[in-house]
Amino acid sequence: MTHALRLSLFGLLLLPGCGGSSPAAAPKSAADPQAPQARLALDIARQSADLAEAELRVQEQESQAVAGRLKREFELATAKLVQFREVESSRRLKDSELEALRARDQIDDAREELDQLEKLYRGNELADSTKEIVLKRGRRGLERAQTVLALKELQVKTLKDDLLPAELARMQLDADQKKDEMERAARGAEIQLRQKKVALARAQAELQKATAALSDPEKK
């Protein structure tokens, strides 16, 4: 065998897979260098899911509290409206009409008293000055009673035509506003609850993804 041939064979023996010994392959590290990042991602995902769940519970509690308060306010406004419409307005009108009747009775009493005085002093020999004083006092009492009656009748008319209808309208408006506010709050609460539920579902999905990534890095 020539020297050149021996050199060629020696070179082939040195090639990998062609006989001879080759350097040992470096063993794969048992520890995944990305494991700390995966654990951090899992911890963040878990905290995010816990936070989303807590926010959902808080939103549910707040929605229930607001709904309960607005419902009570609406029920109170409605009860006041019914009480005013069916009881209070009628009572106040009757009280006002009763005062007008009393004023009318006072006129009748004053007129009768004046008539009696005029009959009493007719042909009486008392001094004209004394008689005039007594009669003048009776006439003045009748005039005042007539003035009071006019005022009472005006109060009845104003109460019936203006004050009571206006107060009833304000109470109706308040009840309607309470109802609208309650319904708007319910719609807003429903939207917020849906948003919180969506956020929780996303956070839980991220948590599952992070858990799978930590247990099997190939699933990332």
C-alpha atoms as a PDB file:
ATOM      1  CA  MET A   1       0.000   0.000   0.000  1.00  0.00           C
ATOM      2  CA  THR A   2       1.425   3.279  -0.992  1.00  0.00           C
ATOM      3  CA  HIS A   3       1.972   6.107   1.385  1.00  0.00           C
ATOM      4  CA  ALA A   4      -0.722   8.200  -0.358  1.00  0.00           C
ATOM      5  CA  LEU A   5      -3.300   5.442   0.001  1.00  0.00           C
ATOM      6  CA  ARG A   6      -2.577   5.046   3.676  1.00  0.00           C
ATOM      7  CA  LEU A   7      -3.095   8.745   4.231  1.00  0.00           C
ATOM      8  CA  SER A   8      -6.439   8.607   2.426  1.00  0.00           C
ATOM      9  CA  LEU A   9      -7.690   5.714   4.531  1.00  0.00           C
ATOM     10  CA  PHE A  10      -6.586   7.469   7.703  1.00  0.00           C
ATOM     11  CA  GLY A  11      -8.547  10.521   6.652  1.00  0.00           C
ATOM     12  CA  LEU A  12     -11.709   8.492   6.040  1.00  0.00           C
ATOM     13  CA  LEU A  13     -11.434   6.952   9.471  1.00  0.00           C
ATOM     14  CA  LEU A  14     -11.413  10.400  11.001  1.00  0.00           C
ATOM     15  CA  LEU A  15     -14.696  11.412   9.300  1.00  0.00           C
ATOM     16  CA  PRO A  16     -17.899  11.117  11.419  1.00  0.00           C
ATOM     17  CA  GLY A  17     -19.785   7.853  10.773  1.00  0.00           C
ATOM     18  CA  CYS A  18     -16.894   6.287   8.962  1.00  0.00           C
ATOM     19  CA  GLY A  19     -15.480   4.296  11.816  1.00  0.00           C
ATOM     20  CA  GLY A  20     -13.331   5.496  14.587  1.00  0.00           C
ATOM     21  CA  SER A  21     -14.547   7.348  17.620  1.00  0.00           C
ATOM     22  CA  SER A  22     -16.434  10.681  17.363  1.00  0.00           C
ATOM     23  CA  PRO A  23     -16.904  13.340  20.075  1.00  0.00           C
ATOM     24  CA  ALA A  24     -19.948  12.603  22.317  1.00  0.00           C
ATOM     25  CA  ALA A  25     -23.042  14.751  21.628  1.00  0.00           C
ATOM     26  CA  ALA A  26     -23.718  17.342  24.329  1.00  0.00           C
ATOM     27  CA  PRO A  27     -26.556  16.073  26.549  1.00  0.00           C
ATOM     28  CA  LYS A  28     -29.806  18.128  26.454  1.00  0.00           C
ATOM     29  CA  SER A  29     -30.240  20.129  29.607  1.00  0.00           C
ATOM     30  CA  ALA A  30     -32.980  18.734  31.817  1.00  0.00           C
ATOM     31  CA  ALA A  31     -33.996  22.259  32.838  1.00  0.00           C
ATOM     32  CA  ASP A  32     -35.975  24.248  30.261  1.00  0.00           C
ATOM     33  CA  PRO A  33     -34.441  27.747  30.101  1.00  0.00           C
ATOM     34  CA  GLN A  34     -37.924  29.177  29.361  1.00  0.00           C
ATOM     35  CA  ALA A  35     -39.537  27.584  32.419  1.00  0.00           C
ATOM     36  CA  PRO A  36     -39.143  30.682  34.671  1.00  0.00           C
ATOM     37  CA  GLN A  37     -40.892  32.804  32.052  1.00  0.00           C
ATOM     38  CA  ALA A  38     -43.665  30.233  31.731  1.00  0.00           C
ATOM     39  CA  ARG A  39     -44.134  30.147  35.492  1.00  0.00           C
ATOM     40  CA  LEU A  40     -44.258  33.946  35.585  1.00  0.00           C
ATOM     41  CA  ALA A  41     -46.824  33.978  32.797  1.00  0.00           C
ATOM     42  CA  LEU A  42     -48.875  31.394  34.677  1.00  0.00           C
ATOM     43  CA  ASP A  43     -48.740  33.430  37.880  1.00  0.00           C
ATOM     44  CA  ILE A  44     -49.827  36.581  36.038  1.00  0.00           C
ATOM     45  CA  ALA A  45     -52.629  34.701  34.301  1.00  0.00           C
ATOM     46  CA  ARG A  46     -53.829  33.248  37.609  1.00  0.00           C
ATOM     47  CA  GLN A  47     -53.831  36.665  39.276  1.00  0.00           C
ATOM     48  CA  SER A  48     -55.658  38.163  36.296  1.00  0.00           C
ATOM     49  CA  ALA A  49     -58.320  35.455  36.489  1.00  0.00           C
ATOM     50  CA  ASP A  50     -58.713  35.974  40.241  1.00  0.00           C
ATOM     51  CA  LEU A  51     -58.999  39.731  39.728  1.00  0.00           C
ATOM     52  CA  ALA A  52     -61.574  39.332  36.954  1.00  0.00           C
ATOM     53  CA  GLU A  53     -63.625  37.008  39.148  1.00  0.00           C
ATOM     54  CA  ALA A  54     -63.455  39.442  42.084  1.00  0.00           C
ATOM     55  CA  GLU A  55     -64.494  42.344  39.855  1.00  0.00           C
ATOM     56  CA  LEU A  56     -67.458  40.319  38.606  1.00  0.00           C
ATOM     57  CA  ARG A  57     -68.587  39.594  42.171  1.00  0.00           C
ATOM     58  CA  VAL A  58     -68.246  43.256  43.146  1.00  0.00           C
ATOM     59  CA  GLN A  59     -70.170  44.324  40.052  1.00  0.00           C
ATOM     60  CA  GLU A  60     -72.955  41.881  40.875  1.00  0.00           C
ATOM     61  CA  GLN A  61     -73.176  43.162  44.462  1.00  0.00           C
ATOM     62  CA  GLU A  62     -73.147  46.811  43.381  1.00  0.00           C
ATOM     63  CA  SER A  63     -75.771  46.175  40.719  1.00  0.00           C
ATOM     64  CA  GLN A  64     -78.030  44.449  43.237  1.00  0.00           C
ATOM     65  CA  ALA A  65     -77.583  47.273  45.756  1.00  0.00           C
ATOM     66  CA  VAL A  66     -78.327  49.996  43.206  1.00  0.00           C
ATOM     67  CA  ALA A  67     -81.286  48.063  41.815  1.00  0.00           C
ATOM     68  CA  GLY A  68     -82.700  47.593  45.304  1.00  0.00           C
ATOM     69  CA  ARG A  69     -82.330  51.269  46.197  1.00  0.00           C
ATOM     70  CA  LEU A  70     -83.891  52.494  42.963  1.00  0.00           C
ATOM     71  CA  LYS A  71     -86.734  50.008  43.295  1.00  0.00           C
ATOM     72  CA  ARG A  72     -87.512  51.270  46.808  1.00  0.00           C
ATOM     73  CA  GLU A  73     -87.414  54.883  45.617  1.00  0.00           C
ATOM     74  CA  PHE A  74     -89.778  54.057  42.753  1.00  0.00           C
ATOM     75  CA  GLU A  75     -92.151  52.192  45.054  1.00  0.00           C
ATOM     76  CA  LEU A  76     -92.121  55.095  47.512  1.00  0.00           C
ATOM     77  CA  ALA A  77     -92.805  57.655  44.787  1.00  0.00           C
ATOM     78  CA  THR A  78     -95.610  55.481  43.421  1.00  0.00           C
ATOM     79  CA  ALA A  79     -97.133  55.029  46.890  1.00  0.00           C
ATOM     80  CA  LYS A  80     -97.044  58.791  47.485  1.00  0.00           C
ATOM     81  CA  LEU A  81     -98.684  59.367  44.114  1.00  0.00           C
ATOM     82  CA  VAL A  82    -101.478  56.892  44.833  1.00  0.00           C
ATOM     83  CA  GLN A  83    -101.966  58.260  48.348  1.00  0.00           C
ATOM     84  CA  PHE A  84    -102.206  61.824  47.060  1.00  0.00           C
ATOM     85  CA  ARG A  85    -104.473  60.993  44.140  1.00  0.00           C
ATOM     86  CA  GLU A  86    -106.876  58.754  46.033  1.00  0.00           C
ATOM     87  CA  VAL A  87    -106.849  60.267  49.538  1.00  0.00           C
ATOM     88  CA  GLU A  88    -104.841  63.412  50.155  1.00  0.00           C
ATOM     89  CA  SER A  89    -106.111  65.622  47.342  1.00  0.00           C
ATOM     90  CA  SER A  90    -109.736  64.805  48.145  1.00  0.00           C
ATOM     91  CA  ARG A  91    -109.195  65.448  51.856  1.00  0.00           C
ATOM     92  CA  ARG A  92    -107.531  68.803  51.281  1.00  0.00           C
ATOM     93  CA  LEU A  93    -110.248  69.893  48.886  1.00  0.00           C
ATOM     94  CA  LYS A  94    -112.968  68.897  51.336  1.00  0.00           C
ATOM     95  CA  ASP A  95    -111.193  70.761  54.147  1.00  0.00           C
ATOM     96  CA  SER A  96    -111.049  73.874  51.996  1.00  0.00           C
ATOM     97  CA  GLU A  97    -114.685  73.542  51.020  1.00  0.00           C
ATOM     98  CA  LEU A  98    -115.608  73.066  54.679  1.00  0.00           C
ATOM     99  CA  GLU A  99    -113.845  76.311  55.572  1.00  0.00           C
ATOM    100  CA  ALA A 100    -115.840  78.051  52.864  1.00  0.00           C
ATOM    101  CA  LEU A 101    -119.044  76.612  54.330  1.00  0.00           C
ATOM    102  CA  ARG A 102    -118.081  77.905  57.767  1.00  0.00           C
ATOM    103  CA  ALA A 103    -117.458  81.339  56.258  1.00  0.00           C
ATOM    104  CA  ARG A 104    -120.872  81.205  54.608  1.00  0.00           C
ATOM    105  CA  ASP A 105    -122.458  80.259  57.932  1.00  0.00           C
ATOM    106  CA  GLN A 106    -120.738  83.232  59.555  1.00  0.00           C
ATOM    107  CA  ILE A 107    -122.315  85.488  56.932  1.00  0.00           C
ATOM    108  CA  ASP A 108    -125.718  84.074  57.678  1.00  0.00           C
ATOM    109  CA  ASP A 109    -125.155  84.530  61.393  1.00  0.00           C
ATOM    110  CA  ALA A 110    -123.907  88.092  60.907  1.00  0.00           C
ATOM    111  CA  ARG A 111    -126.861  88.960  58.656  1.00  0.00           C
ATOM    112  CA  GLU A 112    -129.387  87.539  61.129  1.00  0.00           C
ATOM    113  CA  GLU A 113    -127.724  89.384  63.965  1.00  0.00           C
ATOM    114  CA  LEU A 114    -127.851  92.625  62.028  1.00  0.00           C
ATOM    115  CA  ASP A 115    -131.502  92.076  61.183  1.00  0.00           C
ATOM    116  CA  GLN A 116    -132.306  91.488  64.828  1.00  0.00           C
ATOM    117  CA  LEU A 117    -130.452  94.639  65.819  1.00  0.00           C
ATOM    118  CA  GLU A 118    -132.282  96.702  63.244  1.00  0.00           C
ATOM    119  CA  LYS A 119    -135.608  95.340  64.444  1.00  0.00           C
ATOM    120  CA  LEU A 120    -134.600  95.928  68.024  1.00  0.00           C
ATOM    121  CA  TYR A 121    -133.626  99.518  67.469  1.00  0.00           C
ATOM    122  CA  ARG A 122    -136.463 100.324  65.135  1.00  0.00           C
ATOM    123  CA  GLY A 123    -138.633 102.788  67.034  1.00  0.00           C
ATOM    124  CA  ASN A 124    -136.337 102.489  70.053  1.00  0.00           C
ATOM    125  CA  GLU A 125    -135.855 105.660  72.065  1.00  0.00           C
ATOM    126  CA  LEU A 126    -132.162 105.074  72.648  1.00  0.00           C
ATOM    127  CA  ALA A 127    -129.858 107.795  71.562  1.00  0.00           C
ATOM    128  CA  ASP A 128    -129.242 107.781  67.849  1.00  0.00           C
ATOM    129  CA  SER A 129    -125.459 107.724  68.409  1.00  0.00           C
ATOM    130  CA  THR A 130    -125.616 104.570  70.501  1.00  0.00           C
ATOM    131  CA  LYS A 131    -127.939 102.867  68.046  1.00  0.00           C
ATOM    132  CA  GLU A 132    -125.725 103.790  65.127  1.00  0.00           C
ATOM    133  CA  ILE A 133    -122.637 102.400  66.864  1.00  0.00           C
ATOM    134  CA  VAL A 134    -124.298  99.053  67.451  1.00  0.00           C
ATOM    135  CA  LEU A 135    -125.690  98.839  63.938  1.00  0.00           C
ATOM    136  CA  LYS A 136    -122.401  99.912  62.405  1.00  0.00           C
ATOM    137  CA  ARG A 137    -120.624  97.169  64.316  1.00  0.00           C
ATOM    138  CA  GLY A 138    -123.113  94.621  62.983  1.00  0.00           C
ATOM    139  CA  ARG A 139    -122.716  95.836  59.394  1.00  0.00           C
ATOM    140  CA  ARG A 140    -118.925  95.715  59.721  1.00  0.00           C
ATOM    141  CA  GLY A 141    -119.103  92.139  60.980  1.00  0.00           C
ATOM    142  CA  LEU A 142    -121.258  91.181  58.002  1.00  0.00           C
ATOM    143  CA  GLU A 143    -118.849  92.799  55.545  1.00  0.00           C
ATOM    144  CA  ARG A 144    -115.885  91.015  57.064  1.00  0.00           C
ATOM    145  CA  ALA A 145    -117.696  87.706  56.931  1.00  0.00           C
ATOM    146  CA  GLN A 146    -118.449  88.327  53.253  1.00  0.00           C
ATOM    147  CA  THR A 147    -114.779  89.106  52.601  1.00  0.00           C
ATOM    148  CA  VAL A 148    -113.683  85.911  54.371  1.00  0.00           C
ATOM    149  CA  LEU A 149    -116.168  83.899  52.323  1.00  0.00           C
ATOM    150  CA  ALA A 150    -114.847  85.374  49.070  1.00  0.00           C
ATOM    151  CA  LEU A 151    -111.314  84.445  50.076  1.00  0.00           C
ATOM    152  CA  LYS A 152    -112.312  80.919  51.089  1.00  0.00           C
ATOM    153  CA  GLU A 153    -114.178  80.371  47.834  1.00  0.00           C
ATOM    154  CA  LEU A 154    -111.151  81.634  45.903  1.00  0.00           C
ATOM    155  CA  GLN A 155    -108.959  79.213  47.847  1.00  0.00           C
ATOM    156  CA  VAL A 156    -111.268  76.331  46.960  1.00  0.00           C
ATOM    157  CA  LYS A 157    -111.173  77.244  43.271  1.00  0.00           C
ATOM    158  CA  THR A 158    -107.388  77.734  43.232  1.00  0.00           C
ATOM    159  CA  LEU A 159    -106.827  74.485  45.091  1.00  0.00           C
ATOM    160  CA  LYS A 160    -109.131  72.528  42.821  1.00  0.00           C
ATOM    161  CA  ASP A 161    -108.094  74.042  39.484  1.00  0.00           C
ATOM    162  CA  ASP A 162    -104.394  74.804  39.995  1.00  0.00           C
ATOM    163  CA  LEU A 163    -102.626  73.625  43.139  1.00  0.00           C
ATOM    164  CA  LEU A 164    -103.837  70.036  43.391  1.00  0.00           C
ATOM    165  CA  PRO A 165    -103.439  69.254  39.666  1.00  0.00           C
ATOM    166  CA  ALA A 166     -99.944  70.788  39.671  1.00  0.00           C
ATOM    167  CA  GLU A 167     -98.911  68.788  42.738  1.00  0.00           C
ATOM    168  CA  LEU A 168    -100.339  65.623  41.236  1.00  0.00           C
ATOM    169  CA  ALA A 169     -98.412  66.260  38.018  1.00  0.00           C
ATOM    170  CA  ARG A 170     -95.155  66.758  39.953  1.00  0.00           C
ATOM    171  CA  MET A 171     -95.673  63.488  41.825  1.00  0.00           C
ATOM    172  CA  GLN A 172     -96.487  61.678  38.590  1.00  0.00           C
ATOM    173  CA  LEU A 173     -93.357  63.116  36.988  1.00  0.00           C
ATOM    174  CA  ASP A 174     -91.252  62.067  39.980  1.00  0.00           C
ATOM    175  CA  ALA A 175     -92.631  58.517  39.823  1.00  0.00           C
ATOM    176  CA  ASP A 176     -91.987  58.361  36.065  1.00  0.00           C
ATOM    177  CA  GLN A 177     -88.427  59.607  36.540  1.00  0.00           C
ATOM    178  CA  LYS A 178     -87.789  57.031  39.251  1.00  0.00           C
ATOM    179  CA  LYS A 179     -89.067  54.314  36.946  1.00  0.00           C
ATOM    180  CA  ASP A 180     -86.886  55.513  34.052  1.00  0.00           C
ATOM    181  CA  GLU A 181     -83.850  55.714  36.319  1.00  0.00           C
ATOM    182  CA  MET A 182     -84.479  52.197  37.603  1.00  0.00           C
ATOM    183  CA  GLU A 183     -84.810  50.817  34.076  1.00  0.00           C
ATOM    184  CA  ARG A 184     -81.704  52.648  32.810  1.00  0.00           C
ATOM    185  CA  ALA A 185     -79.694  51.383  35.757  1.00  0.00           C
ATOM    186  CA  ALA A 186     -80.865  47.838  35.064  1.00  0.00           C
ATOM    187  CA  ARG A 187     -79.779  48.076  31.431  1.00  0.00           C
ATOM    188  CA  GLY A 188     -76.431  49.589  32.383  1.00  0.00           C
ATOM    189  CA  ALA A 189     -75.850  46.933  35.030  1.00  0.00           C
ATOM    190  CA  GLU A 190     -76.597  44.185  32.513  1.00  0.00           C
ATOM    191  CA  ILE A 191     -74.015  45.591  30.101  1.00  0.00           C
ATOM    192  CA  GLN A 192     -71.398  45.918  32.837  1.00  0.00           C
ATOM    193  CA  LEU A 193     -72.048  42.395  34.048  1.00  0.00           C
ATOM    194  CA  ARG A 194     -71.622  41.058  30.532  1.00  0.00           C
ATOM    195  CA  GLN A 195     -68.369  42.943  30.169  1.00  0.00           C
ATOM    196  CA  LYS A 196     -67.092  41.521  33.456  1.00  0.00           C
ATOM    197  CA  LYS A 197     -68.109  38.005  32.422  1.00  0.00           C
ATOM    198  CA  VAL A 198     -66.317  38.368  29.089  1.00  0.00           C
ATOM    199  CA  ALA A 199     -63.215  39.656  30.883  1.00  0.00           C
ATOM    200  CA  LEU A 200     -63.363  36.684  33.270  1.00  0.00           C
ATOM    201  CA  ALA A 201     -63.728  34.214  30.388  1.00  0.00           C
ATOM    202  CA  ARG A 202     -60.706  35.733  28.650  1.00  0.00           C
ATOM    203  CA  ALA A 203     -58.637  35.625  31.814  1.00  0.00           C
ATOM    204  CA  GLN A 204     -59.591  31.995  32.423  1.00  0.00           C
ATOM    205  CA  ALA A 205     -58.662  31.135  28.830  1.00  0.00           C
ATOM    206  CA  GLU A 206     -55.272  32.808  29.312  1.00  0.00           C
ATOM    207  CA  LEU A 207     -54.832  30.862  32.551  1.00  0.00           C
ATOM    208  CA  GLN A 208     -55.527  27.559  30.799  1.00  0.00           C
ATOM    209  CA  LYS A 209     -53.115  28.512  28.033  1.00  0.00           C
ATOM    210  CA  ALA A 210     -50.387  29.423  30.514  1.00  0.00           C
ATOM    211  CA  THR A 211     -50.961  26.202  32.497  1.00  0.00           C
ATOM    212  CA  ALA A 212     -50.656  24.125  29.319  1.00  0.00           C
ATOM    213  CA  ALA A 213     -47.528  26.023  28.235  1.00  0.00           C
ATOM    214  CA  LEU A 214     -45.812  25.294  31.554  1.00  0.00           C
ATOM    215  CA  SER A 215     -46.668  21.584  31.508  1.00  0.00           C
ATOM    216  CA  ASP A 216     -45.791  21.130  27.805  1.00  0.00           C
ATOM    217  CA  PRO A 217     -43.632  23.872  26.264  1.00  0.00           C
ATOM    218  CA  GLU A 218     -44.401  22.553  22.773  1.00  0.00           C
ATOM    219  CA  LYS A 219     -48.062  23.679  23.205  1.00  0.00           C
ATOM    220  CA  LYS A 220     -47.157  27.319  23.528  1.00  0.00           C
END
